[in-house]
C-alpha atoms as a PDB file:
ATOM      1  CA  MET A   1     128.553  86.029 115.046  1.00  0.00           C
ATOM      2  CA  ASN A   2     124.784  85.766 114.628  1.00  0.00           C
ATOM      3  CA  THR A   3     124.452  89.336 115.907  1.00  0.00           C
ATOM      4  CA  ALA A   4     127.100  90.624 113.519  1.00  0.00           C
ATOM      5  CA  PHE A   5     125.413  89.036 110.529  1.00  0.00           C
ATOM      6  CA  LEU A   6     122.015  90.451 111.505  1.00  0.00           C
ATOM      7  CA  ASP A   7     123.609  93.898 112.030  1.00  0.00           C
ATOM      8  CA  ALA A   8     125.021  93.864 108.512  1.00  0.00           C
ATOM      9  CA  GLN A   9     121.824  92.507 106.988  1.00  0.00           C
ATOM     10  CA  ASN A  10     119.637  95.071 108.716  1.00  0.00           C
ATOM     11  CA  LEU A  11     121.700  97.966 107.425  1.00  0.00           C
ATOM     12  CA  ALA A  12     122.423  96.571 103.980  1.00  0.00           C
ATOM     13  CA  TRP A  13     118.855  96.130 102.792  1.00  0.00           C
ATOM     14  CA  LYS A  14     117.862  99.559 104.068  1.00  0.00           C
ATOM     15  CA  ILE A  15     120.759 101.243 102.272  1.00  0.00           C
ATOM     16  CA  HIS A  16     119.859  99.287  99.158  1.00  0.00           C
ATOM     17  CA  HIS A  17     116.196 100.421  99.258  1.00  0.00           C
ATOM     18  CA  VAL A  18     117.158 104.067  99.865  1.00  0.00           C
ATOM     19  CA  GLU A  19     119.774 104.182  97.143  1.00  0.00           C
ATOM     20  CA  SER A  20     117.431 102.407  94.715  1.00  0.00           C
ATOM     21  CA  GLY A  21     114.788 105.095  95.233  1.00  0.00           C
ATOM     22  CA  PHE A  22     112.314 102.816  96.935  1.00  0.00           C
ATOM     23  CA  ALA A  23     112.419 104.113 100.469  1.00  0.00           C
ATOM     24  CA  HIS A  24     112.675 107.509 102.081  1.00  0.00           C
ATOM     25  CA  ARG A  25     116.063 108.303 103.563  1.00  0.00           C
ATOM     26  CA  SER A  26     114.573 108.479 107.082  1.00  0.00           C
ATOM     27  CA  LEU A  27     114.321 104.692 106.973  1.00  0.00           C
ATOM     28  CA  LEU A  28     118.065 104.565 107.767  1.00  0.00           C
ATOM     29  CA  HIS A  29     117.350 105.877 111.278  1.00  0.00           C
ATOM     30  CA  SER A  30     115.577 102.632 112.070  1.00  0.00           C
ATOM     31  CA  TYR A  31     118.912 100.747 111.951  1.00  0.00           C
ATOM     32  CA  GLU A  32     120.198 102.249 115.169  1.00  0.00           C
ATOM     33  CA  ALA A  33     116.793 102.145 116.808  1.00  0.00           C
ATOM     34  CA  GLU A  34     116.452  98.425 116.099  1.00  0.00           C
ATOM     35  CA  ARG A  35     119.969  97.163 116.453  1.00  0.00           C
ATOM     36  CA  LYS A  36     121.240  99.233 119.429  1.00  0.00           C
ATOM     37  CA  LYS A  37     118.852  97.460 121.800  1.00  0.00           C
ATOM     38  CA  VAL A  38     120.042  94.088 120.482  1.00  0.00           C
ATOM     39  CA  ALA A  39     123.662  95.076 121.054  1.00  0.00           C
ATOM     40  CA  GLU A  40     122.918  96.168 124.586  1.00  0.00           C
ATOM     41  CA  ASN A  41     121.154  92.911 125.312  1.00  0.00           C
ATOM     42  CA  LEU A  42     124.139  91.026 123.894  1.00  0.00           C
ATOM     43  CA  LEU A  43     126.574  92.869 126.166  1.00  0.00           C
ATOM     44  CA  ASP A  44     124.415  92.129 129.183  1.00  0.00           C
ATOM     45  CA  PHE A  45     124.178  88.465 128.222  1.00  0.00           C
ATOM     46  CA  ASP A  46     127.913  88.190 127.594  1.00  0.00           C
ATOM     47  CA  ALA A  47     128.686  89.686 130.993  1.00  0.00           C
ATOM     48  CA  LYS A  48     126.352  87.276 132.750  1.00  0.00           C
ATOM     49  CA  TYR A  49     127.510  84.262 130.752  1.00  0.00           C
ATOM     50  CA  ALA A  50     131.208  85.103 131.281  1.00  0.00           C
ATOM     51  CA  ALA A  51     130.674  85.303 135.045  1.00  0.00           C
ATOM     52  CA  LEU A  52     128.997  81.875 134.996  1.00  0.00           C
ATOM     53  CA  PHE A  53     131.851  80.448 132.946  1.00  0.00           C
ATOM     54  CA  SER A  54     134.307  81.483 135.652  1.00  0.00           C
ATOM     55  CA  GLN A  55     132.423  79.444 138.220  1.00  0.00           C
ATOM     56  CA  LYS A  56     132.501  75.710 138.713  1.00  0.00           C
ATOM     57  CA  ALA A  57     131.597  73.921 135.455  1.00  0.00           C
ATOM     58  CA  PRO A  58     128.415  71.800 135.448  1.00  0.00           C
ATOM     59  CA  ALA A  59     128.738  68.083 135.659  1.00  0.00           C
ATOM     60  CA  ALA A  60     128.688  66.174 132.368  1.00  0.00           C
ATOM     61  CA  LYS A  61     125.481  64.380 133.402  1.00  0.00           C
ATOM     62  CA  ASP A  62     123.766  67.727 133.982  1.00  0.00           C
ATOM     63  CA  VAL A  63     124.782  69.055 130.583  1.00  0.00           C
ATOM     64  CA  GLU A  64     123.473  65.870 128.994  1.00  0.00           C
ATOM     65  CA  ALA A  65     120.226  66.197 130.904  1.00  0.00           C
ATOM     66  CA  ALA A  66     119.839  69.797 129.755  1.00  0.00           C
ATOM     67  CA  THR A  67     119.806  68.677 126.121  1.00  0.00           C
ATOM     68  CA  GLN A  68     117.036  66.090 126.702  1.00  0.00           C
ATOM     69  CA  ARG A  69     114.010  68.101 125.813  1.00  0.00           C
ATOM     70  CA  GLY A  70     111.046  67.553 128.066  1.00  0.00           C
ATOM     71  CA  ALA A  71     112.813  65.120 130.404  1.00  0.00           C
ATOM     72  CA  GLU A  72     112.054  65.397 134.104  1.00  0.00           C
ATOM     73  CA  ASN A  73     115.786  65.344 134.993  1.00  0.00           C
ATOM     74  CA  THR A  74     116.203  68.464 132.835  1.00  0.00           C
ATOM     75  CA  LYS A  75     114.111  70.442 135.308  1.00  0.00           C
ATOM     76  CA  VAL A  76     116.206  69.166 138.204  1.00  0.00           C
ATOM     77  CA  ALA A  77     119.421  70.089 136.374  1.00  0.00           C
ATOM     78  CA  GLU A  78     118.178  73.587 135.638  1.00  0.00           C
ATOM     79  CA  GLU A  79     117.105  74.242 139.197  1.00  0.00           C
ATOM     80  CA  GLY A  80     120.426  73.065 140.540  1.00  0.00           C
ATOM     81  CA  ASN A  81     122.712  74.872 138.106  1.00  0.00           C
ATOM     82  CA  GLU A  82     122.480  78.530 137.106  1.00  0.00           C
ATOM     83  CA  PHE A  83     124.738  77.996 134.100  1.00  0.00           C
ATOM     84  CA  ILE A  84     122.405  75.425 132.527  1.00  0.00           C
ATOM     85  CA  LYS A  85     119.362  77.516 133.400  1.00  0.00           C
ATOM     86  CA  THR A  86     120.840  80.595 131.711  1.00  0.00           C
ATOM     87  CA  PHE A  87     121.955  78.528 128.701  1.00  0.00           C
ATOM     88  CA  LYS A  88     118.461  77.166 128.070  1.00  0.00           C
ATOM     89  CA  GLU A  89     116.684  80.482 128.705  1.00  0.00           C
ATOM     90  CA  SER A  90     118.978  82.236 126.238  1.00  0.00           C
ATOM     91  CA  CYS A  91     118.848  79.753 123.353  1.00  0.00           C
ATOM     92  CA  GLU A  92     116.373  81.833 121.400  1.00  0.00           C
ATOM     93  CA  PHE A  93     118.460  84.959 121.811  1.00  0.00           C
ATOM     94  CA  THR A  94     121.842  83.393 121.004  1.00  0.00           C
ATOM     95  CA  SER A  95     120.448  81.741 117.861  1.00  0.00           C
ATOM     96  CA  GLY A  96     119.104  85.088 116.561  1.00  0.00           C
ATOM     97  CA  TYR A  97     115.468  83.998 116.713  1.00  0.00           C
ATOM     98  CA  GLY A  98     114.753  85.875 119.904  1.00  0.00           C
ATOM     99  CA  VAL A  99     115.204  89.354 118.407  1.00  0.00           C
ATOM    100  CA  ALA A 100     112.096  91.472 118.781  1.00  0.00           C
ATOM    101  CA  TYR A 101     112.093  94.970 117.171  1.00  0.00           C
ATOM    102  CA  ASN A 102     109.945  97.690 118.616  1.00  0.00           C
ATOM    103  CA  PRO A 103     107.136  99.310 116.596  1.00  0.00           C
ATOM    104  CA  ASN A 104     108.188 101.753 113.869  1.00  0.00           C
ATOM    105  CA  SER A 105     107.221 102.483 110.258  1.00  0.00           C
ATOM    106  CA  LEU A 106     108.371  98.961 109.266  1.00  0.00           C
ATOM    107  CA  ASN A 107     106.817  97.089 112.192  1.00  0.00           C
ATOM    108  CA  TRP A 108     103.098  97.824 112.394  1.00  0.00           C
ATOM    109  CA  SER A 109     101.449  98.775 115.653  1.00  0.00           C
ATOM    110  CA  SER A 110      98.327 100.614 116.716  1.00  0.00           C
ATOM    111  CA  SER A 111     100.271 103.885 116.439  1.00  0.00           C
ATOM    112  CA  HIS A 112     101.347 103.249 112.813  1.00  0.00           C
ATOM    113  CA  PRO A 113      99.978 105.581 110.114  1.00  0.00           C
ATOM    114  CA  ALA A 114      98.226 102.632 108.499  1.00  0.00           C
ATOM    115  CA  GLN A 115      94.928 102.271 110.406  1.00  0.00           C
ATOM    116  CA  SER A 116      92.673 100.161 108.153  1.00  0.00           C
ATOM    117  CA  SER A 117      90.186  97.900 109.894  1.00  0.00           C
ATOM    118  CA  VAL A 118      91.466  94.813 107.988  1.00  0.00           C
ATOM    119  CA  ILE A 119      94.919  95.091 109.613  1.00  0.00           C
ATOM    120  CA  ASN A 120      95.735  92.572 112.346  1.00  0.00           C
ATOM    121  CA  PRO A 121      92.792  90.238 111.677  1.00  0.00           C
ATOM    122  CA  LYS A 122      91.150  88.366 114.541  1.00  0.00           C
ATOM    123  CA  GLY A 123      93.139  85.343 115.637  1.00  0.00           C
ATOM    124  CA  ASN A 124      96.470  86.548 114.250  1.00  0.00           C
ATOM    125  CA  LYS A 125      99.378  85.009 116.183  1.00  0.00           C
ATOM    126  CA  LEU A 126     102.230  86.732 114.403  1.00  0.00           C
ATOM    127  CA  ARG A 127     104.065  89.563 116.131  1.00  0.00           C
ATOM    128  CA  THR A 128     105.398  92.372 114.007  1.00  0.00           C
ATOM    129  CA  GLY A 129     109.124  92.870 114.518  1.00  0.00           C
ATOM    130  CA  ARG A 130     109.612  89.144 115.116  1.00  0.00           C
ATOM    131  CA  ILE A 131     110.898  86.503 112.702  1.00  0.00           C
ATOM    132  CA  LEU A 132     108.290  84.734 110.604  1.00  0.00           C
ATOM    133  CA  THR A 133     107.024  81.475 112.177  1.00  0.00           C
ATOM    134  CA  ASN A 134     108.537  78.481 110.384  1.00  0.00           C
ATOM    135  CA  SER A 135     106.221  76.042 108.607  1.00  0.00           C
ATOM    136  CA  ASN A 136     106.318  73.355 105.988  1.00  0.00           C
ATOM    137  CA  VAL A 137     104.236  73.375 102.817  1.00  0.00           C
ATOM    138  CA  THR A 138     104.094  71.529  99.488  1.00  0.00           C
ATOM    139  CA  ARG A 139     105.260  73.354  96.398  1.00  0.00           C
ATOM    140  CA  VAL A 140     102.556  72.806  93.761  1.00  0.00           C
ATOM    141  CA  THR A 141     104.781  72.761  90.669  1.00  0.00           C
ATOM    142  CA  ASP A 142     106.931  69.806  91.747  1.00  0.00           C
ATOM    143  CA  ALA A 143     105.326  68.384  94.909  1.00  0.00           C
ATOM    144  CA  ASN A 144     108.425  69.020  97.028  1.00  0.00           C
ATOM    145  CA  VAL A 145     107.874  69.701 100.729  1.00  0.00           C
ATOM    146  CA  VAL A 146     109.704  72.917 101.583  1.00  0.00           C
ATOM    147  CA  HIS A 147     110.287  75.325 104.474  1.00  0.00           C
ATOM    148  CA  LEU A 148     108.055  78.248 103.518  1.00  0.00           C
ATOM    149  CA  GLU A 149     110.200  80.876 105.287  1.00  0.00           C
ATOM    150  CA  GLN A 150     113.266  79.723 103.294  1.00  0.00           C
ATOM    151  CA  GLU A 151     111.696  79.686  99.811  1.00  0.00           C
ATOM    152  CA  ILE A 152     112.558  83.275  98.919  1.00  0.00           C
ATOM    153  CA  PRO A 153     116.261  84.051  98.915  1.00  0.00           C
ATOM    154  CA  VAL A 154     117.704  87.074 100.713  1.00  0.00           C
ATOM    155  CA  ASN A 155     117.382  89.245  97.615  1.00  0.00           C
ATOM    156  CA  GLY A 156     116.336  92.598  99.105  1.00  0.00           C
ATOM    157  CA  SER A 157     112.647  92.032  98.400  1.00  0.00           C
ATOM    158  CA  PHE A 158     109.688  92.326 100.679  1.00  0.00           C
ATOM    159  CA  ARG A 159     108.017  88.933 100.815  1.00  0.00           C
ATOM    160  CA  VAL A 160     104.257  89.073 100.434  1.00  0.00           C
ATOM    161  CA  TYR A 161     102.722  85.796 101.666  1.00  0.00           C
ATOM    162  CA  VAL A 162      99.143  85.489 100.436  1.00  0.00           C
ATOM    163  CA  PHE A 163      97.533  82.828 102.620  1.00  0.00           C
ATOM    164  CA  ALA A 164      94.599  82.152 100.319  1.00  0.00           C
ATOM    165  CA  GLY A 165      92.574  79.790 102.502  1.00  0.00           C
ATOM    166  CA  LYS A 166      90.104  77.575 100.656  1.00  0.00           C
ATOM    167  CA  PRO A 167      89.993  78.359  96.908  1.00  0.00           C
ATOM    168  CA  ALA A 168      86.229  78.024  96.815  1.00  0.00           C
ATOM    169  CA  THR A 169      85.854  80.553  99.644  1.00  0.00           C
ATOM    170  CA  THR A 170      88.498  83.116  98.669  1.00  0.00           C
ATOM    171  CA  LYS A 171      88.316  83.114  94.875  1.00  0.00           C
ATOM    172  CA  GLN A 172      86.670  86.560  94.700  1.00  0.00           C
ATOM    173  CA  ALA A 173      88.891  88.060  97.360  1.00  0.00           C
ATOM    174  CA  LEU A 174      92.005  86.688  95.684  1.00  0.00           C
ATOM    175  CA  ASP A 175      90.932  87.964  92.274  1.00  0.00           C
ATOM    176  CA  ASP A 176      90.191  91.406  93.777  1.00  0.00           C
ATOM    177  CA  PHE A 177      93.570  91.437  95.506  1.00  0.00           C
ATOM    178  CA  ALA A 178      95.374  90.737  92.236  1.00  0.00           C
ATOM    179  CA  GLN A 179      93.273  93.306  90.322  1.00  0.00           C
ATOM    180  CA  ASN A 180      93.919  96.033  92.838  1.00  0.00           C
ATOM    181  CA  LEU A 181      97.643  95.239  92.856  1.00  0.00           C
ATOM    182  CA  THR A 182      97.782  96.269  89.194  1.00  0.00           C
ATOM    183  CA  LYS A 183      95.911  99.548  89.637  1.00  0.00           C
ATOM    184  CA  LYS A 184      97.862 102.738  89.096  1.00  0.00           C
ATOM    185  CA  GLY A 185      99.182 104.086  92.377  1.00  0.00           C
ATOM    186  CA  SER A 186      99.396 100.746  94.202  1.00  0.00           C
ATOM    187  CA  PHE A 187     102.607  99.807  96.009  1.00  0.00           C
ATOM    188  CA  PHE A 188     103.089  97.109  93.372  1.00  0.00           C
ATOM    189  CA  SER A 189     102.440  99.152  90.230  1.00  0.00           C
ATOM    190  CA  THR A 190     104.429 102.167  91.479  1.00  0.00           C
ATOM    191  CA  TYR A 191     107.651 100.171  91.715  1.00  0.00           C
ATOM    192  CA  LEU A 192     107.612  97.957  88.671  1.00  0.00           C
ATOM    193  CA  ARG A 193     110.877  97.023  86.961  1.00  0.00           C
ATOM    194  CA  SER A 194     112.005  99.360  84.190  1.00  0.00           C
ATOM    195  CA  ASP A 195     112.974  96.320  82.109  1.00  0.00           C
ATOM    196  CA  ILE A 196     109.748  94.387  82.773  1.00  0.00           C
ATOM    197  CA  ASP A 197     109.199  93.641  79.069  1.00  0.00           C
ATOM    198  CA  GLN A 198     112.611  91.967  78.826  1.00  0.00           C
ATOM    199  CA  VAL A 199     112.457  89.850  81.978  1.00  0.00           C
ATOM    200  CA  SER A 200     113.222  86.170  81.400  1.00  0.00           C
ATOM    201  CA  TYR A 201     110.413  83.657  81.673  1.00  0.00           C
ATOM    202  CA  HIS A 202     112.656  81.784  84.078  1.00  0.00           C
ATOM    203  CA  GLU A 203     112.774  84.635  86.601  1.00  0.00           C
ATOM    204  CA  ARG A 204     111.208  83.039  89.666  1.00  0.00           C
ATOM    205  CA  HIS A 205     111.349  85.729  92.362  1.00  0.00           C
ATOM    206  CA  ASN A 206     111.164  89.222  90.816  1.00  0.00           C
ATOM    207  CA  PRO A 207     109.427  89.135  87.439  1.00  0.00           C
ATOM    208  CA  HIS A 208     107.572  92.386  88.117  1.00  0.00           C
ATOM    209  CA  SER A 209     109.500  94.322  90.733  1.00  0.00           C
ATOM    210  CA  HIS A 210     112.908  94.188  92.408  1.00  0.00           C
ATOM    211  CA  PHE A 211     111.191  95.023  95.693  1.00  0.00           C
ATOM    212  CA  PHE A 212     108.447  92.418  96.007  1.00  0.00           C
ATOM    213  CA  THR A 213     108.112  88.646  95.777  1.00  0.00           C
ATOM    214  CA  PHE A 214     104.713  86.995  96.150  1.00  0.00           C
ATOM    215  CA  CYS A 215     103.836  83.573  97.544  1.00  0.00           C
ATOM    216  CA  THR A 216     100.340  82.106  97.407  1.00  0.00           C
ATOM    217  CA  ILE A 217      99.484  79.405  99.930  1.00  0.00           C
ATOM    218  CA  PHE A 218      96.181  77.507  99.734  1.00  0.00           C
ATOM    219  CA  ALA A 219      94.617  75.556 102.630  1.00  0.00           C
ATOM    220  CA  GLU A 220      94.061  72.668 100.247  1.00  0.00           C
ATOM    221  CA  LYS A 221      95.659  69.387  99.125  1.00  0.00           C
ATOM    222  CA  ARG A 222      98.189  69.782  96.370  1.00  0.00           C
ATOM    223  CA  GLN A 223      96.303  67.523  93.962  1.00  0.00           C
ATOM    224  CA  ASN A 224      93.235  69.773  94.239  1.00  0.00           C
ATOM    225  CA  ILE A 225      95.101  72.914  93.236  1.00  0.00           C
ATOM    226  CA  GLU A 226      95.351  74.071  89.602  1.00  0.00           C
ATOM    227  CA  ILE A 227      97.432  77.176  89.172  1.00  0.00           C
ATOM    228  CA  ALA A 228      95.747  78.174  85.879  1.00  0.00           C
ATOM    229  CA  ARG A 229      92.318  77.919  87.482  1.00  0.00           C
ATOM    230  CA  ASP A 230      92.875  78.974  91.052  1.00  0.00           C
ATOM    231  CA  VAL A 231      95.579  81.647  90.882  1.00  0.00           C
ATOM    232  CA  PRO A 232      95.038  85.076  89.285  1.00  0.00           C
ATOM    233  CA  LYS A 233      97.334  85.871  86.386  1.00  0.00           C
ATOM    234  CA  THR A 234      99.559  88.358  88.268  1.00  0.00           C
ATOM    235  CA  LEU A 235     100.198  85.933  91.110  1.00  0.00           C
ATOM    236  CA  ALA A 236     100.429  82.932  88.751  1.00  0.00           C
ATOM    237  CA  ARG A 237     103.595  84.510  87.292  1.00  0.00           C
ATOM    238  CA  TYR A 238     105.143  83.345  90.571  1.00  0.00           C
ATOM    239  CA  ALA A 239     104.252  79.728  89.815  1.00  0.00           C
ATOM    240  CA  ASP A 240     107.165  78.324  91.753  1.00  0.00           C
ATOM    241  CA  HIS A 241     105.814  80.161  94.826  1.00  0.00           C
ATOM    242  CA  VAL A 242     102.361  78.594  94.830  1.00  0.00           C
ATOM    243  CA  TYR A 243     101.975  76.123  97.704  1.00  0.00           C
ATOM    244  CA  ALA A 244      99.566  73.670  99.285  1.00  0.00           C
ATOM    245  CA  ASP A 245      99.220  73.931 103.046  1.00  0.00           C
ATOM    246  CA  ASP A 246      98.752  70.186 103.512  1.00  0.00           C
ATOM    247  CA  ILE A 247     101.638  69.091 105.763  1.00  0.00           C
ATOM    248  CA  TRP A 248     100.818  67.858 109.241  1.00  0.00           C
ATOM    249  CA  ASP A 249     102.538  69.663 112.120  1.00  0.00           C
ATOM    250  CA  ARG A 250     102.773  68.350 115.674  1.00  0.00           C
ATOM    251  CA  ILE A 251     102.420  71.891 117.040  1.00  0.00           C
ATOM    252  CA  VAL A 252      98.905  72.103 115.618  1.00  0.00           C
ATOM    253  CA  PRO A 253      98.035  68.423 115.312  1.00  0.00           C
ATOM    254  CA  ASP A 254      94.303  68.899 114.744  1.00  0.00           C
ATOM    255  CA  SER A 255      94.703  71.482 111.979  1.00  0.00           C
ATOM    256  CA  LYS A 256      94.100  70.592 108.324  1.00  0.00           C
ATOM    257  CA  ALA A 257      96.182  73.620 107.241  1.00  0.00           C
ATOM    258  CA  SER A 258      99.021  73.814 109.724  1.00  0.00           C
ATOM    259  CA  SER A 259     100.790  76.859 108.196  1.00  0.00           C
ATOM    260  CA  HIS A 260      97.579  78.919 108.293  1.00  0.00           C
ATOM    261  CA  SER A 261      96.983  77.763 111.894  1.00  0.00           C
ATOM    262  CA  LYS A 262     100.499  78.517 113.123  1.00  0.00           C
ATOM    263  CA  MET A 263     100.179  82.045 111.773  1.00  0.00           C
ATOM    264  CA  GLY A 264      96.749  82.421 113.384  1.00  0.00           C
ATOM    265  CA  LEU A 265      95.013  82.878 110.053  1.00  0.00           C
ATOM    266  CA  ASP A 266      91.546  81.555 109.240  1.00  0.00           C
ATOM    267  CA  GLU A 267      91.792  78.292 107.247  1.00  0.00           C
ATOM    268  CA  GLU A 268      88.836  79.355 105.120  1.00  0.00           C
ATOM    269  CA  LYS A 269      89.488  83.071 104.588  1.00  0.00           C
ATOM    270  CA  GLY A 270      93.275  83.295 104.893  1.00  0.00           C
ATOM    271  CA  GLY A 271      95.170  86.581 105.105  1.00  0.00           C
ATOM    272  CA  VAL A 272      98.243  88.454 103.821  1.00  0.00           C
ATOM    273  CA  VAL A 273     101.525  88.586 105.682  1.00  0.00           C
ATOM    274  CA  VAL A 274     104.238  91.041 104.657  1.00  0.00           C
ATOM    275  CA  VAL A 275     107.730  90.085 105.714  1.00  0.00           C
ATOM    276  CA  ARG A 276     110.643  92.489 105.570  1.00  0.00           C
ATOM    277  CA  PRO A 277     113.706  91.640 103.415  1.00  0.00           C
ATOM    278  CA  ASP A 278     115.525  90.508 106.560  1.00  0.00           C
ATOM    279  CA  GLY A 279     112.800  88.011 107.518  1.00  0.00           C
ATOM    280  CA  TYR A 280     110.866  89.980 110.150  1.00  0.00           C
ATOM    281  CA  VAL A 281     107.118  90.391 110.052  1.00  0.00           C
ATOM    282  CA  GLY A 282     106.018  93.871 109.058  1.00  0.00           C
ATOM    283  CA  ILE A 283     102.269  93.678 108.944  1.00  0.00           C
ATOM    284  CA  VAL A 284      99.384  91.171 108.781  1.00  0.00           C
ATOM    285  CA  VAL A 285      96.209  92.033 106.824  1.00  0.00           C
ATOM    286  CA  GLY A 286      92.973  90.191 106.185  1.00  0.00           C
ATOM    287  CA  LEU A 287      92.309  88.898 102.667  1.00  0.00           C
ATOM    288  CA  GLU A 288      89.025  90.680 101.852  1.00  0.00           C
ATOM    289  CA  LYS A 289      86.825  91.182  98.825  1.00  0.00           C
ATOM    290  CA  GLY A 290      87.207  94.582  97.145  1.00  0.00           C
ATOM    291  CA  SER A 291      90.179  96.908  97.512  1.00  0.00           C
ATOM    292  CA  ALA A 292      90.539  96.921 101.326  1.00  0.00           C
ATOM    293  CA  THR A 293      93.541  94.569 101.485  1.00  0.00           C
ATOM    294  CA  VAL A 294      95.624  96.410  98.897  1.00  0.00           C
ATOM    295  CA  ASP A 295      94.487  99.798 100.317  1.00  0.00           C
ATOM    296  CA  ALA A 296      95.836  98.713 103.772  1.00  0.00           C
ATOM    297  CA  LEU A 297      99.163  97.669 102.241  1.00  0.00           C
ATOM    298  CA  ASN A 298      99.382 100.984 100.359  1.00  0.00           C
ATOM    299  CA  GLU A 299      99.024 102.721 103.719  1.00  0.00           C
ATOM    300  CA  TYR A 300     101.706 100.492 105.254  1.00  0.00           C
ATOM    301  CA  PHE A 301     104.292 100.941 102.492  1.00  0.00           C
ATOM    302  CA  GLY A 302     103.378 104.611 102.148  1.00  0.00           C
ATOM    303  CA  ALA A 303     104.790 105.201 105.632  1.00  0.00           C
ATOM    304  CA  PHE A 304     108.343 104.782 104.376  1.00  0.00           C
ATOM    305  CA  CYS A 305     108.289 104.623 100.555  1.00  0.00           C
ATOM    306  CA  SER A 306     109.705 107.523  98.558  1.00  0.00           C
ATOM    307  CA  LYS A 307     106.599 107.929  96.367  1.00  0.00           C
ATOM    308  CA  LYS A 308     102.949 108.588  97.262  1.00  0.00           C
ATOM    309  CA  LEU A 309     100.783 105.475  97.074  1.00  0.00           C
ATOM    310  CA  GLY A 310      97.102 104.777  96.784  1.00  0.00           C
ATOM    311  CA  GLU A 311      94.122 106.593  95.280  1.00  0.00           C
ATOM    312  CA  SER A 312      95.385 110.071  96.089  1.00  0.00           C
ATOM    313  CA  LYS A 313      98.572 109.413  94.124  1.00  0.00           C
ATOM    314  CA  ALA A 314      96.655 107.937  91.177  1.00  0.00           C
ATOM    315  CA  LEU A 315      94.496 111.071  90.881  1.00  0.00           C
ATOM    316  CA  LEU A 316      97.487 113.444  90.624  1.00  0.00           C
END
């Protein structure tokens, strides 16, 4: 069932973007390239699992041991029973979290047309073509602790997560990022809503474009963040998507900004993560002063968008 849902989602958002005039029609070819491999893996897994089912069932005590994470008897149970071993090894795949798409125009790699030096910053832990790492943050507007990866609904938009590091360190870079977003020819300005002047003040996710939603995450305590002061006007329009990275996480217990750390982004300088509408990481870019960050994203989106992006387009 997980596979069927992901099949439908993968195809649906791509058809939507092509029919809406956002993406080039060639994007549809990526559906088979990405999902066929998953289907083949599923068939192989089902065949192996079915064969194990037909064998002697594991003892109840072994099944119980297998669910006790980190227990010593779990290791014994795994070694003594192939069924349990296969079950545990396949949990990521059967849940849908183990899907890994190969490089293409959506999933950046060293062979992608976008070749800016700010792409894939040093320390980055995220893998393109994999689901975004889960993390908890504090929403600034109401102090609620939320799952960052679940904050944007499945609305067909690319999710642009601006990990803004320390406000005192990144203020200029963040201001430059917002300024370059609004330049003619950028991926953002090229695909603005036609009804942008009539958009409701209460529109949380897509006030500017149907194809992008922005989140800004500071490596700072919530009480030290002021949206009017720290967030540029364009990004401040997404006030409900401004967060404080101030929640402790046992995976990175020594980090003061666990979400930044889990992504492999510098807690001072931050970075920008673009996530596809289906939740998979597309590209990771450094948050730099000047136009480099937006230029890199123009190159990335330009690989599959229907319109020319960047300076060359603006000069036409």
